[in-house]
Amino acid sequence: MDPFVTIDAQKVLPNRFGLALAGAMRCRALRRGDEPRLALEGMTTQDLALHEIAAGAFTDAELAPFRIGQQPVGRLRAPHQQLCAGFPSRDTGTCVPPYRRTAH
């Protein structure tokens, strides 16, 4: 494997984890029979996948799932009920701290 191709591929996908995921997915696709996007002979599927990424053979939409850390972070909605650290009371449904429970 050419060590410089990984440097060129990191210019397209700066996150190494995202690059590894994208390379693995493309390598699997090539092994399943997808057509190579570059006409390079005598390369393994791993090398060909990295060369395709480094050459910019993919659109931004195709690489978007692998751009880790560059996507806006979504926010979780607030819960609709009050979270209870203890146990809910059977009578009122309010939260009863665990140290105030009565043992039967």
C-alpha atoms as a PDB file:
ATOM      1  CA  MET A   1       0.000   0.000   0.000  1.00  0.00           C
ATOM      2  CA  ASP A   2       1.238   3.422  -0.893  1.00  0.00           C
ATOM      3  CA  PRO A   3       1.569   5.435   2.353  1.00  0.00           C
ATOM      4  CA  PHE A   4       1.047   8.695   0.499  1.00  0.00           C
ATOM      5  CA  VAL A   5      -2.421   7.721  -0.682  1.00  0.00           C
ATOM      6  CA  THR A   6      -3.636   7.752   2.924  1.00  0.00           C
ATOM      7  CA  ILE A   7      -2.310  11.276   3.327  1.00  0.00           C
ATOM      8  CA  ASP A   8      -4.175  12.324   0.184  1.00  0.00           C
ATOM      9  CA  ALA A   9      -7.315  10.529   1.345  1.00  0.00           C
ATOM     10  CA  GLN A  10      -7.154  12.332   4.702  1.00  0.00           C
ATOM     11  CA  LYS A  11      -7.430  15.615   2.821  1.00  0.00           C
ATOM     12  CA  VAL A  12     -10.850  14.428   1.634  1.00  0.00           C
ATOM     13  CA  LEU A  13     -11.904  12.790   4.937  1.00  0.00           C
ATOM     14  CA  PRO A  14      -9.817  14.286   7.768  1.00  0.00           C
ATOM     15  CA  ASN A  15     -11.139  11.961  10.454  1.00  0.00           C
ATOM     16  CA  ARG A  16      -9.200   8.687  10.389  1.00  0.00           C
ATOM     17  CA  PHE A  17     -12.128   6.701  11.759  1.00  0.00           C
ATOM     18  CA  GLY A  18     -14.443   8.047   9.060  1.00  0.00           C
ATOM     19  CA  LEU A  19     -11.790   7.299   6.439  1.00  0.00           C
ATOM     20  CA  ALA A  20     -11.467   3.723   7.670  1.00  0.00           C
ATOM     21  CA  LEU A  21     -15.246   3.277   7.533  1.00  0.00           C
ATOM     22  CA  ALA A  22     -15.529   4.746   4.055  1.00  0.00           C
ATOM     23  CA  GLY A  23     -12.615   2.651   2.786  1.00  0.00           C
ATOM     24  CA  ALA A  24     -14.067  -0.529   4.257  1.00  0.00           C
ATOM     25  CA  MET A  25     -17.509   0.133   2.775  1.00  0.00           C
ATOM     26  CA  ARG A  26     -16.060   0.854  -0.674  1.00  0.00           C
ATOM     27  CA  CYS A  27     -13.805  -2.211  -0.478  1.00  0.00           C
ATOM     28  CA  ARG A  28     -16.816  -4.418   0.287  1.00  0.00           C
ATOM     29  CA  ALA A  29     -18.722  -2.868  -2.606  1.00  0.00           C
ATOM     30  CA  LEU A  30     -15.830  -3.549  -4.985  1.00  0.00           C
ATOM     31  CA  ARG A  31     -15.623  -7.154  -3.818  1.00  0.00           C
ATOM     32  CA  ARG A  32     -19.368  -7.568  -4.423  1.00  0.00           C
ATOM     33  CA  GLY A  33     -18.836  -6.558  -8.027  1.00  0.00           C
ATOM     34  CA  ASP A  34     -19.327  -2.779  -8.188  1.00  0.00           C
ATOM     35  CA  GLU A  35     -17.498  -1.075 -11.020  1.00  0.00           C
ATOM     36  CA  PRO A  36     -14.295   0.757 -10.057  1.00  0.00           C
ATOM     37  CA  ARG A  37     -14.460   4.511 -10.515  1.00  0.00           C
ATOM     38  CA  LEU A  38     -10.787   4.710 -11.477  1.00  0.00           C
ATOM     39  CA  ALA A  39      -9.063   2.657 -14.175  1.00  0.00           C
ATOM     40  CA  LEU A  40      -6.135   1.333 -12.133  1.00  0.00           C
ATOM     41  CA  GLU A  41      -4.907  -2.194 -12.794  1.00  0.00           C
ATOM     42  CA  GLY A  42      -3.099  -4.596 -10.488  1.00  0.00           C
ATOM     43  CA  MET A  43      -4.350  -3.162  -7.177  1.00  0.00           C
ATOM     44  CA  THR A  44      -6.076  -4.830  -4.302  1.00  0.00           C
ATOM     45  CA  THR A  45      -9.594  -3.684  -3.464  1.00  0.00           C
ATOM     46  CA  GLN A  46      -8.284  -1.940  -0.337  1.00  0.00           C
ATOM     47  CA  ASP A  47      -5.776   0.103  -2.319  1.00  0.00           C
ATOM     48  CA  LEU A  48      -8.295   0.881  -5.021  1.00  0.00           C
ATOM     49  CA  ALA A  49     -10.842   2.080  -2.459  1.00  0.00           C
ATOM     50  CA  LEU A  50      -8.326   4.489  -0.893  1.00  0.00           C
ATOM     51  CA  HIS A  51      -7.190   5.734  -4.307  1.00  0.00           C
ATOM     52  CA  GLU A  52     -10.795   6.425  -5.278  1.00  0.00           C
ATOM     53  CA  ILE A  53     -11.387   8.401  -2.088  1.00  0.00           C
ATOM     54  CA  ALA A  54      -8.124  10.338  -2.504  1.00  0.00           C
ATOM     55  CA  ALA A  55      -8.897  11.137  -6.147  1.00  0.00           C
ATOM     56  CA  GLY A  56     -12.260  12.664  -5.261  1.00  0.00           C
ATOM     57  CA  ALA A  57     -14.300  10.087  -7.159  1.00  0.00           C
ATOM     58  CA  PHE A  58     -17.209  10.507  -4.733  1.00  0.00           C
ATOM     59  CA  THR A  59     -19.664  13.343  -4.267  1.00  0.00           C
ATOM     60  CA  ASP A  60     -20.072  15.163  -0.971  1.00  0.00           C
ATOM     61  CA  ALA A  61     -23.444  13.488  -0.484  1.00  0.00           C
ATOM     62  CA  GLU A  62     -21.830  10.061  -0.772  1.00  0.00           C
ATOM     63  CA  LEU A  63     -19.146  10.933   1.779  1.00  0.00           C
ATOM     64  CA  ALA A  64     -21.461  12.781   4.180  1.00  0.00           C
ATOM     65  CA  PRO A  65     -22.176   9.753   6.426  1.00  0.00           C
ATOM     66  CA  PHE A  66     -18.425   9.378   7.017  1.00  0.00           C
ATOM     67  CA  ARG A  67     -17.715  13.014   7.919  1.00  0.00           C
ATOM     68  CA  ILE A  68     -17.645  12.419  11.658  1.00  0.00           C
ATOM     69  CA  GLY A  69     -17.441  15.512  13.807  1.00  0.00           C
ATOM     70  CA  GLN A  70     -18.464  17.846  11.009  1.00  0.00           C
ATOM     71  CA  GLN A  71     -22.189  17.235  11.326  1.00  0.00           C
ATOM     72  CA  PRO A  72     -24.366  19.356  13.597  1.00  0.00           C
ATOM     73  CA  VAL A  73     -25.165  17.681  16.865  1.00  0.00           C
ATOM     74  CA  GLY A  74     -28.847  17.079  17.444  1.00  0.00           C
ATOM     75  CA  ARG A  75     -30.508  17.800  20.760  1.00  0.00           C
ATOM     76  CA  LEU A  76     -32.708  15.441  22.700  1.00  0.00           C
ATOM     77  CA  ARG A  77     -36.170  16.600  23.573  1.00  0.00           C
ATOM     78  CA  ALA A  78     -37.031  17.132  27.211  1.00  0.00           C
ATOM     79  CA  PRO A  79     -38.923  14.246  28.793  1.00  0.00           C
ATOM     80  CA  HIS A  80     -42.660  14.726  29.059  1.00  0.00           C
ATOM     81  CA  GLN A  81     -42.720  13.358  32.599  1.00  0.00           C
ATOM     82  CA  GLN A  82     -40.678  14.179  35.643  1.00  0.00           C
ATOM     83  CA  LEU A  83     -37.886  11.689  36.070  1.00  0.00           C
ATOM     84  CA  CYS A  84     -37.978   9.979  39.430  1.00  0.00           C
ATOM     85  CA  ALA A  85     -34.810   9.008  41.298  1.00  0.00           C
ATOM     86  CA  GLY A  86     -36.814   6.864  43.684  1.00  0.00           C
ATOM     87  CA  PHE A  87     -40.041   4.997  43.133  1.00  0.00           C
ATOM     88  CA  PRO A  88     -43.405   6.507  42.151  1.00  0.00           C
ATOM     89  CA  SER A  89     -46.014   6.468  44.883  1.00  0.00           C
ATOM     90  CA  ARG A  90     -49.010   4.230  44.199  1.00  0.00           C
ATOM     91  CA  ASP A  91     -51.465   6.755  45.611  1.00  0.00           C
ATOM     92  CA  THR A  92     -50.403  10.071  44.142  1.00  0.00           C
ATOM     93  CA  GLY A  93     -47.964   9.072  41.409  1.00  0.00           C
ATOM     94  CA  THR A  94     -45.413  11.515  42.791  1.00  0.00           C
ATOM     95  CA  CYS A  95     -41.812  10.612  43.325  1.00  0.00           C
ATOM     96  CA  VAL A  96     -40.931   9.078  46.691  1.00  0.00           C
ATOM     97  CA  PRO A  97     -37.217   9.056  47.573  1.00  0.00           C
ATOM     98  CA  PRO A  98     -35.916   5.544  48.231  1.00  0.00           C
ATOM     99  CA  TYR A  99     -35.003   6.329  51.874  1.00  0.00           C
ATOM    100  CA  ARG A 100     -38.619   7.292  52.702  1.00  0.00           C
ATOM    101  CA  ARG A 101     -40.239   4.081  51.589  1.00  0.00           C
ATOM    102  CA  THR A 102     -41.913   1.969  54.182  1.00  0.00           C
ATOM    103  CA  ALA A 103     -41.072  -1.703  54.399  1.00  0.00           C
ATOM    104  CA  HIS A 104     -44.018  -4.073  54.583  1.00  0.00           C
END
